Amino acid sequence: MVLVRVTIPIPCIFDGVQTDDNNALNNINPADIKQLTVLKDAAAAIYGARASNGVIIITTNGGSYNMDKPTVSLDIYTGFSKLVNSVDMLNVDQHAAVLWESLVNQQAINGLTAPPSHAQYGGADGNSGPVVPTTVQGAAINGVPYTTTVKPNGGTDWIDAITQTAPTSNVSFSVANGTETGKYYLSASYLNREGIQNYTGFKRGNIRANSEFRVGDNKRLTVGQHLNVAFSRATKGTDSSSDGRLNSL
């Protein structure tokens, strides 16, 4: 059986402008969203065949006409994320015992009476075991041998080694105002969220400017613009010291 998986992007419409790039959602500050609507089936048919999975419509904040004074908002928060209900893994001695028992059982199934041997736990003579070595046997990186010691008192807790208490901080500022003939909304934000797994995280910064003006003698013509300048960077398990993907276990 051959399984073919096709990923169809869901169109997103930001203030009337359509994009098929779902990564665009990473570049918008949630505090700037005034309304988010998801259309499906017949309601999304107006957007054509590529809207078969639905359409996401996002309307961002804007000022209001005839405001008495500007509205200023400042939102700052910080927090931490931590792994809970961690996986209870075998330590190095327990791993050696389980692996050695499986080798003994396999020897019995094969009708062999000689004790088994193992590259790591086979002992000094290659037969007696299990014996936890003081150094990892046969360790190599890209084919180059190297020496690494086995951590005493149970070995390395790998779940603890690859996870961290991850801080999150966010700053968001906005100002909105409007007169009889025009209105505007300006905002700036920065998010820095580190991942629970080492070498993971997400950063985003953006500046938004929405404005609208009534022009003409009777003020029936409306012109405006929606500008969003943003950057985002996701770190997905890359060790900056080696520029290689982090192997979780």
C-alpha atoms as a PDB file:
ATOM      1  CA  MET A   1       0.000   0.000   0.000  1.00  0.00           C
ATOM      2  CA  VAL A   2       1.262   3.442  -0.941  1.00  0.00           C
ATOM      3  CA  LEU A   3       0.116   6.334   1.220  1.00  0.00           C
ATOM      4  CA  VAL A   4       0.048   9.701  -0.497  1.00  0.00           C
ATOM      5  CA  ARG A   5      -0.369  12.719   1.718  1.00  0.00           C
ATOM      6  CA  VAL A   6      -1.252  16.067   0.172  1.00  0.00           C
ATOM      7  CA  THR A   7      -1.230  19.223   2.271  1.00  0.00           C
ATOM      8  CA  ILE A   8      -3.581  21.912   0.993  1.00  0.00           C
ATOM      9  CA  PRO A   9      -3.041  25.367   2.523  1.00  0.00           C
ATOM     10  CA  ILE A  10      -6.036  27.137   4.007  1.00  0.00           C
ATOM     11  CA  PRO A  11      -6.444  30.608   2.486  1.00  0.00           C
ATOM     12  CA  CYS A  12      -6.136  33.459   4.974  1.00  0.00           C
ATOM     13  CA  ILE A  13      -7.641  36.870   4.331  1.00  0.00           C
ATOM     14  CA  PHE A  14      -6.115  39.770   6.258  1.00  0.00           C
ATOM     15  CA  ASP A  15      -8.196  42.947   6.033  1.00  0.00           C
ATOM     16  CA  GLY A  16      -9.465  41.903   2.610  1.00  0.00           C
ATOM     17  CA  VAL A  17      -6.113  40.730   1.224  1.00  0.00           C
ATOM     18  CA  GLN A  18      -5.860  36.999   0.529  1.00  0.00           C
ATOM     19  CA  THR A  19      -2.774  34.840   1.005  1.00  0.00           C
ATOM     20  CA  ASP A  20      -2.194  31.082   0.810  1.00  0.00           C
ATOM     21  CA  ASP A  21       0.850  31.311   3.072  1.00  0.00           C
ATOM     22  CA  ASN A  22      -0.263  29.939   6.445  1.00  0.00           C
ATOM     23  CA  ASN A  23       3.032  31.139   7.935  1.00  0.00           C
ATOM     24  CA  ALA A  24       1.554  34.619   7.702  1.00  0.00           C
ATOM     25  CA  LEU A  25      -0.274  33.819  10.929  1.00  0.00           C
ATOM     26  CA  ASN A  26       3.115  33.774  12.680  1.00  0.00           C
ATOM     27  CA  ASN A  27       3.683  37.392  11.710  1.00  0.00           C
ATOM     28  CA  ILE A  28       0.614  38.921  13.303  1.00  0.00           C
ATOM     29  CA  ASN A  29       0.285  40.079  16.876  1.00  0.00           C
ATOM     30  CA  PRO A  30      -2.811  38.476  18.473  1.00  0.00           C
ATOM     31  CA  ALA A  31      -3.492  41.786  20.243  1.00  0.00           C
ATOM     32  CA  ASP A  32      -4.005  43.394  16.810  1.00  0.00           C
ATOM     33  CA  ILE A  33      -6.821  41.011  15.872  1.00  0.00           C
ATOM     34  CA  LYS A  34     -10.272  42.529  16.151  1.00  0.00           C
ATOM     35  CA  GLN A  35     -12.219  39.617  14.695  1.00  0.00           C
ATOM     36  CA  LEU A  36     -11.360  36.137  13.416  1.00  0.00           C
ATOM     37  CA  THR A  37     -13.893  34.173  11.382  1.00  0.00           C
ATOM     38  CA  VAL A  38     -13.607  30.658   9.943  1.00  0.00           C
ATOM     39  CA  LEU A  39     -15.799  29.895   6.921  1.00  0.00           C
ATOM     40  CA  LYS A  40     -16.436  26.377   5.652  1.00  0.00           C
ATOM     41  CA  ASP A  41     -18.451  24.579   2.975  1.00  0.00           C
ATOM     42  CA  ALA A  42     -21.034  26.780   1.252  1.00  0.00           C
ATOM     43  CA  ALA A  43     -19.974  29.897   3.147  1.00  0.00           C
ATOM     44  CA  ALA A  44     -16.454  29.587   1.691  1.00  0.00           C
ATOM     45  CA  ALA A  45     -17.556  28.710  -1.864  1.00  0.00           C
ATOM     46  CA  ILE A  46     -17.176  32.318  -2.996  1.00  0.00           C
ATOM     47  CA  TYR A  47     -13.387  31.924  -2.651  1.00  0.00           C
ATOM     48  CA  GLY A  48     -13.188  29.057  -5.141  1.00  0.00           C
ATOM     49  CA  ALA A  49     -11.742  25.540  -5.155  1.00  0.00           C
ATOM     50  CA  ARG A  50      -8.717  26.339  -3.022  1.00  0.00           C
ATOM     51  CA  ALA A  51     -11.091  27.215  -0.191  1.00  0.00           C
ATOM     52  CA  SER A  52     -12.402  23.631  -0.071  1.00  0.00           C
ATOM     53  CA  ASN A  53     -10.848  23.224   3.389  1.00  0.00           C
ATOM     54  CA  GLY A  54     -12.243  26.541   4.590  1.00  0.00           C
ATOM     55  CA  VAL A  55     -11.170  30.159   4.808  1.00  0.00           C
ATOM     56  CA  ILE A  56      -9.764  32.144   7.716  1.00  0.00           C
ATOM     57  CA  ILE A  57     -10.820  35.798   7.713  1.00  0.00           C
ATOM     58  CA  ILE A  58      -8.956  38.159  10.038  1.00  0.00           C
ATOM     59  CA  THR A  59      -9.874  41.771  10.653  1.00  0.00           C
ATOM     60  CA  THR A  60      -7.318  43.845  12.541  1.00  0.00           C
ATOM     61  CA  ASN A  61      -7.937  46.733  14.899  1.00  0.00           C
ATOM     62  CA  GLY A  62      -8.464  50.281  13.707  1.00  0.00           C
ATOM     63  CA  GLY A  63      -9.290  53.576  15.268  1.00  0.00           C
ATOM     64  CA  SER A  64     -12.802  55.025  15.349  1.00  0.00           C
ATOM     65  CA  TYR A  65     -14.127  58.259  13.926  1.00  0.00           C
ATOM     66  CA  ASN A  66     -14.905  61.151  16.273  1.00  0.00           C
ATOM     67  CA  MET A  67     -12.909  59.866  19.238  1.00  0.00           C
ATOM     68  CA  ASP A  68     -12.637  62.294  22.154  1.00  0.00           C
ATOM     69  CA  LYS A  69      -9.040  61.364  22.882  1.00  0.00           C
ATOM     70  CA  PRO A  70      -6.427  58.776  21.870  1.00  0.00           C
ATOM     71  CA  THR A  71      -6.648  55.282  23.336  1.00  0.00           C
ATOM     72  CA  VAL A  72      -3.267  53.999  24.481  1.00  0.00           C
ATOM     73  CA  SER A  73      -2.627  50.401  25.516  1.00  0.00           C
ATOM     74  CA  LEU A  74       0.504  48.805  26.978  1.00  0.00           C
ATOM     75  CA  ASP A  75       0.597  45.075  27.707  1.00  0.00           C
ATOM     76  CA  ILE A  76       3.644  43.446  29.289  1.00  0.00           C
ATOM     77  CA  TYR A  77       3.786  39.915  30.595  1.00  0.00           C
ATOM     78  CA  THR A  78       6.343  37.260  31.394  1.00  0.00           C
ATOM     79  CA  GLY A  79       6.078  33.656  32.425  1.00  0.00           C
ATOM     80  CA  PHE A  80       7.726  30.263  32.459  1.00  0.00           C
ATOM     81  CA  SER A  81       7.008  26.860  30.954  1.00  0.00           C
ATOM     82  CA  LYS A  82       8.200  23.625  32.499  1.00  0.00           C
ATOM     83  CA  LEU A  83       7.831  19.948  31.702  1.00  0.00           C
ATOM     84  CA  VAL A  84       5.446  18.140  34.052  1.00  0.00           C
ATOM     85  CA  ASN A  85       4.623  14.440  34.313  1.00  0.00           C
ATOM     86  CA  SER A  86       8.027  13.601  32.871  1.00  0.00           C
ATOM     87  CA  VAL A  87       8.742  10.174  31.416  1.00  0.00           C
ATOM     88  CA  ASP A  88      10.239   7.814  34.007  1.00  0.00           C
ATOM     89  CA  MET A  89      13.190   6.307  32.166  1.00  0.00           C
ATOM     90  CA  LEU A  90      15.567   3.511  33.111  1.00  0.00           C
ATOM     91  CA  ASN A  91      18.894   4.566  34.543  1.00  0.00           C
ATOM     92  CA  VAL A  92      22.071   3.045  33.151  1.00  0.00           C
ATOM     93  CA  ASP A  93      22.147   0.175  35.669  1.00  0.00           C
ATOM     94  CA  GLN A  94      18.517  -0.751  35.005  1.00  0.00           C
ATOM     95  CA  HIS A  95      19.068  -0.532  31.265  1.00  0.00           C
ATOM     96  CA  ALA A  96      22.072  -2.848  31.549  1.00  0.00           C
ATOM     97  CA  ALA A  97      20.075  -5.370  33.601  1.00  0.00           C
ATOM     98  CA  VAL A  98      17.120  -5.420  31.185  1.00  0.00           C
ATOM     99  CA  LEU A  99      19.319  -5.675  28.111  1.00  0.00           C
ATOM    100  CA  TRP A 100      21.451  -8.394  29.649  1.00  0.00           C
ATOM    101  CA  GLU A 101      18.387 -10.408  30.639  1.00  0.00           C
ATOM    102  CA  SER A 102      17.115 -10.240  27.066  1.00  0.00           C
ATOM    103  CA  LEU A 103      20.477 -11.538  25.810  1.00  0.00           C
ATOM    104  CA  VAL A 104      20.394 -14.406  28.321  1.00  0.00           C
ATOM    105  CA  ASN A 105      16.872 -15.340  27.229  1.00  0.00           C
ATOM    106  CA  GLN A 106      17.890 -15.240  23.568  1.00  0.00           C
ATOM    107  CA  GLN A 107      20.817 -17.519  24.302  1.00  0.00           C
ATOM    108  CA  ALA A 108      18.439 -19.980  25.964  1.00  0.00           C
ATOM    109  CA  ILE A 109      16.054 -19.873  22.995  1.00  0.00           C
ATOM    110  CA  ASN A 110      18.937 -20.609  20.662  1.00  0.00           C
ATOM    111  CA  GLY A 111      20.007 -23.527  22.846  1.00  0.00           C
ATOM    112  CA  LEU A 112      23.345 -21.953  23.720  1.00  0.00           C
ATOM    113  CA  THR A 113      24.936 -22.383  27.121  1.00  0.00           C
ATOM    114  CA  ALA A 114      27.745 -19.833  26.773  1.00  0.00           C
ATOM    115  CA  PRO A 115      27.109 -16.522  28.523  1.00  0.00           C
ATOM    116  CA  PRO A 116      26.197 -13.654  26.206  1.00  0.00           C
ATOM    117  CA  SER A 117      28.405 -10.691  25.457  1.00  0.00           C
ATOM    118  CA  HIS A 118      27.644  -7.047  24.805  1.00  0.00           C
ATOM    119  CA  ALA A 119      29.804  -4.187  23.548  1.00  0.00           C
ATOM    120  CA  GLN A 120      28.881  -1.935  26.479  1.00  0.00           C
ATOM    121  CA  TYR A 121      27.888  -4.251  29.319  1.00  0.00           C
ATOM    122  CA  GLY A 122      29.807  -7.453  28.611  1.00  0.00           C
ATOM    123  CA  GLY A 123      32.482  -6.939  31.234  1.00  0.00           C
ATOM    124  CA  ALA A 124      36.255  -6.939  30.983  1.00  0.00           C
ATOM    125  CA  ASP A 125      36.520 -10.448  29.494  1.00  0.00           C
ATOM    126  CA  GLY A 126      33.615  -9.944  27.105  1.00  0.00           C
ATOM    127  CA  ASN A 127      31.454 -12.540  28.853  1.00  0.00           C
ATOM    128  CA  SER A 128      30.798 -11.720  32.487  1.00  0.00           C
ATOM    129  CA  GLY A 129      28.150  -9.096  32.987  1.00  0.00           C
ATOM    130  CA  PRO A 130      26.282  -6.965  33.080  1.00  0.00           C
ATOM    131  CA  VAL A 131      28.979  -4.500  34.061  1.00  0.00           C
ATOM    132  CA  VAL A 132      28.451  -0.776  33.546  1.00  0.00           C
ATOM    133  CA  PRO A 133      31.657   0.660  32.072  1.00  0.00           C
ATOM    134  CA  THR A 134      33.224   3.903  33.217  1.00  0.00           C
ATOM    135  CA  THR A 135      33.523   5.105  29.607  1.00  0.00           C
ATOM    136  CA  VAL A 136      31.221   4.571  26.630  1.00  0.00           C
ATOM    137  CA  GLN A 137      32.664   1.905  24.358  1.00  0.00           C
ATOM    138  CA  GLY A 138      33.040   2.598  20.634  1.00  0.00           C
ATOM    139  CA  ALA A 139      31.787   6.193  20.778  1.00  0.00           C
ATOM    140  CA  ALA A 140      32.302   8.211  17.580  1.00  0.00           C
ATOM    141  CA  ILE A 141      31.091  11.402  15.907  1.00  0.00           C
ATOM    142  CA  ASN A 142      31.043  11.323  12.096  1.00  0.00           C
ATOM    143  CA  GLY A 143      33.302   8.295  12.216  1.00  0.00           C
ATOM    144  CA  VAL A 144      35.880   9.943  14.478  1.00  0.00           C
ATOM    145  CA  PRO A 145      36.353   8.067  17.793  1.00  0.00           C
ATOM    146  CA  TYR A 146      36.157  10.003  21.001  1.00  0.00           C
ATOM    147  CA  THR A 147      36.096   9.225  24.710  1.00  0.00           C
ATOM    148  CA  THR A 148      33.197  10.093  26.986  1.00  0.00           C
ATOM    149  CA  THR A 149      32.662   8.990  30.545  1.00  0.00           C
ATOM    150  CA  VAL A 150      29.535   7.417  32.024  1.00  0.00           C
ATOM    151  CA  LYS A 151      27.987   9.669  34.655  1.00  0.00           C
ATOM    152  CA  PRO A 152      28.182   8.016  38.097  1.00  0.00           C
ATOM    153  CA  ASN A 153      25.144   7.166  40.230  1.00  0.00           C
ATOM    154  CA  GLY A 154      22.741   6.059  37.533  1.00  0.00           C
ATOM    155  CA  GLY A 155      24.064   7.701  34.380  1.00  0.00           C
ATOM    156  CA  THR A 156      22.555  10.688  32.575  1.00  0.00           C
ATOM    157  CA  ASP A 157      18.919  11.684  33.036  1.00  0.00           C
ATOM    158  CA  TRP A 158      18.304  12.388  29.349  1.00  0.00           C
ATOM    159  CA  ILE A 159      14.899  13.980  29.819  1.00  0.00           C
ATOM    160  CA  ASP A 160      16.441  16.457  32.238  1.00  0.00           C
ATOM    161  CA  ALA A 161      19.427  16.958  29.916  1.00  0.00           C
ATOM    162  CA  ILE A 162      17.370  18.018  26.892  1.00  0.00           C
ATOM    163  CA  THR A 163      14.701  20.115  28.648  1.00  0.00           C
ATOM    164  CA  GLN A 164      14.700  23.400  30.531  1.00  0.00           C
ATOM    165  CA  THR A 165      12.479  25.819  32.401  1.00  0.00           C
ATOM    166  CA  ALA A 166      11.647  28.078  29.469  1.00  0.00           C
ATOM    167  CA  PRO A 167      10.939  31.800  29.967  1.00  0.00           C
ATOM    168  CA  THR A 168       8.417  33.733  27.873  1.00  0.00           C
ATOM    169  CA  SER A 169       8.220  37.513  27.590  1.00  0.00           C
ATOM    170  CA  ASN A 170       5.975  39.759  25.533  1.00  0.00           C
ATOM    171  CA  VAL A 171       5.634  43.520  25.138  1.00  0.00           C
ATOM    172  CA  SER A 172       2.798  45.076  23.127  1.00  0.00           C
ATOM    173  CA  PHE A 173       2.004  48.766  22.653  1.00  0.00           C
ATOM    174  CA  SER A 174      -0.790  50.397  20.653  1.00  0.00           C
ATOM    175  CA  VAL A 175      -2.439  53.783  20.164  1.00  0.00           C
ATOM    176  CA  ALA A 176      -5.698  54.566  18.347  1.00  0.00           C
ATOM    177  CA  ASN A 177      -7.446  57.825  17.567  1.00  0.00           C
ATOM    178  CA  GLY A 178      -9.858  59.374  15.121  1.00  0.00           C
ATOM    179  CA  THR A 179     -11.444  62.646  14.001  1.00  0.00           C
ATOM    180  CA  GLU A 180     -14.446  63.394  11.827  1.00  0.00           C
ATOM    181  CA  THR A 181     -12.454  62.813   8.643  1.00  0.00           C
ATOM    182  CA  GLY A 182      -9.900  60.170   9.607  1.00  0.00           C
ATOM    183  CA  LYS A 183      -8.853  57.431  12.009  1.00  0.00           C
ATOM    184  CA  TYR A 184      -5.707  55.434  12.680  1.00  0.00           C
ATOM    185  CA  TYR A 185      -4.276  52.555  14.703  1.00  0.00           C
ATOM    186  CA  LEU A 186      -0.563  52.078  15.423  1.00  0.00           C
ATOM    187  CA  SER A 187       0.992  49.174  17.291  1.00  0.00           C
ATOM    188  CA  ALA A 188       4.336  47.541  18.007  1.00  0.00           C
ATOM    189  CA  SER A 189       5.098  44.281  19.769  1.00  0.00           C
ATOM    190  CA  TYR A 190       7.891  41.847  20.550  1.00  0.00           C
ATOM    191  CA  LEU A 191       7.586  38.230  21.678  1.00  0.00           C
ATOM    192  CA  ASN A 192      10.413  35.975  22.860  1.00  0.00           C
ATOM    193  CA  ARG A 193       9.348  32.458  23.822  1.00  0.00           C
ATOM    194  CA  GLU A 194      11.924  29.780  24.562  1.00  0.00           C
ATOM    195  CA  GLY A 195      10.955  26.150  24.144  1.00  0.00           C
ATOM    196  CA  ILE A 196      10.886  23.520  26.866  1.00  0.00           C
ATOM    197  CA  GLN A 197      13.254  21.422  24.756  1.00  0.00           C
ATOM    198  CA  ASN A 198      16.735  22.884  24.525  1.00  0.00           C
ATOM    199  CA  TYR A 199      17.566  24.860  21.367  1.00  0.00           C
ATOM    200  CA  THR A 200      13.924  25.479  20.504  1.00  0.00           C
ATOM    201  CA  GLY A 201      11.916  28.674  20.664  1.00  0.00           C
ATOM    202  CA  PHE A 202      10.087  31.389  18.778  1.00  0.00           C
ATOM    203  CA  LYS A 203      10.709  35.118  18.354  1.00  0.00           C
ATOM    204  CA  ARG A 204       8.468  37.654  16.675  1.00  0.00           C
ATOM    205  CA  GLY A 205       8.480  41.410  16.315  1.00  0.00           C
ATOM    206  CA  ASN A 206       6.083  43.540  14.310  1.00  0.00           C
ATOM    207  CA  ILE A 207       4.880  47.070  13.643  1.00  0.00           C
ATOM    208  CA  ARG A 208       1.380  47.766  12.337  1.00  0.00           C
ATOM    209  CA  ALA A 209      -0.155  50.954  10.958  1.00  0.00           C
ATOM    210  CA  ASN A 210      -3.833  51.043   9.910  1.00  0.00           C
ATOM    211  CA  SER A 211      -5.414  54.277   8.738  1.00  0.00           C
ATOM    212  CA  GLU A 212      -8.545  55.427   6.928  1.00  0.00           C
ATOM    213  CA  PHE A 213      -9.622  58.873   5.675  1.00  0.00           C
ATOM    214  CA  ARG A 214     -12.785  60.348   4.206  1.00  0.00           C
ATOM    215  CA  VAL A 215     -11.997  62.597   1.264  1.00  0.00           C
ATOM    216  CA  GLY A 216     -13.971  64.733  -1.146  1.00  0.00           C
ATOM    217  CA  ASP A 217     -16.503  67.472  -0.668  1.00  0.00           C
ATOM    218  CA  ASN A 218     -19.217  65.145   0.617  1.00  0.00           C
ATOM    219  CA  LYS A 219     -16.780  62.783   2.405  1.00  0.00           C
ATOM    220  CA  ARG A 220     -18.252  59.764   0.617  1.00  0.00           C
ATOM    221  CA  LEU A 221     -14.924  58.520  -0.726  1.00  0.00           C
ATOM    222  CA  THR A 222     -12.825  56.551   1.719  1.00  0.00           C
ATOM    223  CA  VAL A 223      -9.123  55.752   1.278  1.00  0.00           C
ATOM    224  CA  GLY A 224      -6.877  53.875   3.655  1.00  0.00           C
ATOM    225  CA  GLN A 225      -3.964  51.530   4.118  1.00  0.00           C
ATOM    226  CA  HIS A 226      -3.022  48.522   6.246  1.00  0.00           C
ATOM    227  CA  LEU A 227       0.695  48.083   6.815  1.00  0.00           C
ATOM    228  CA  ASN A 228       2.317  45.289   8.819  1.00  0.00           C
ATOM    229  CA  VAL A 229       6.106  44.941   9.017  1.00  0.00           C
ATOM    230  CA  ALA A 230       7.183  41.833  10.902  1.00  0.00           C
ATOM    231  CA  PHE A 231       9.886  39.267  11.426  1.00  0.00           C
ATOM    232  CA  SER A 232       9.598  35.851  13.022  1.00  0.00           C
ATOM    233  CA  ARG A 233      12.141  33.148  13.727  1.00  0.00           C
ATOM    234  CA  ALA A 234      11.451  29.635  14.925  1.00  0.00           C
ATOM    235  CA  THR A 235      14.304  27.559  16.348  1.00  0.00           C
ATOM    236  CA  LYS A 236      13.514  23.888  15.875  1.00  0.00           C
ATOM    237  CA  GLY A 237      16.041  21.889  17.835  1.00  0.00           C
ATOM    238  CA  THR A 238      19.322  23.167  16.377  1.00  0.00           C
ATOM    239  CA  ASP A 239      22.403  23.224  18.571  1.00  0.00           C
ATOM    240  CA  SER A 240      23.999  26.603  17.873  1.00  0.00           C
ATOM    241  CA  SER A 241      27.408  25.284  18.909  1.00  0.00           C
ATOM    242  CA  SER A 242      27.425  22.555  16.267  1.00  0.00           C
ATOM    243  CA  ASP A 243      24.803  23.868  13.837  1.00  0.00           C
ATOM    244  CA  GLY A 244      23.247  20.409  13.804  1.00  0.00           C
ATOM    245  CA  ARG A 245      19.813  19.073  14.604  1.00  0.00           C
ATOM    246  CA  LEU A 246      19.497  18.094  18.262  1.00  0.00           C
ATOM    247  CA  ASN A 247      18.836  14.411  18.748  1.00  0.00           C
ATOM    248  CA  SER A 248      16.343  14.295  21.603  1.00  0.00           C
ATOM    249  CA  LEU A 249      17.432  10.931  22.943  1.00  0.00           C
END
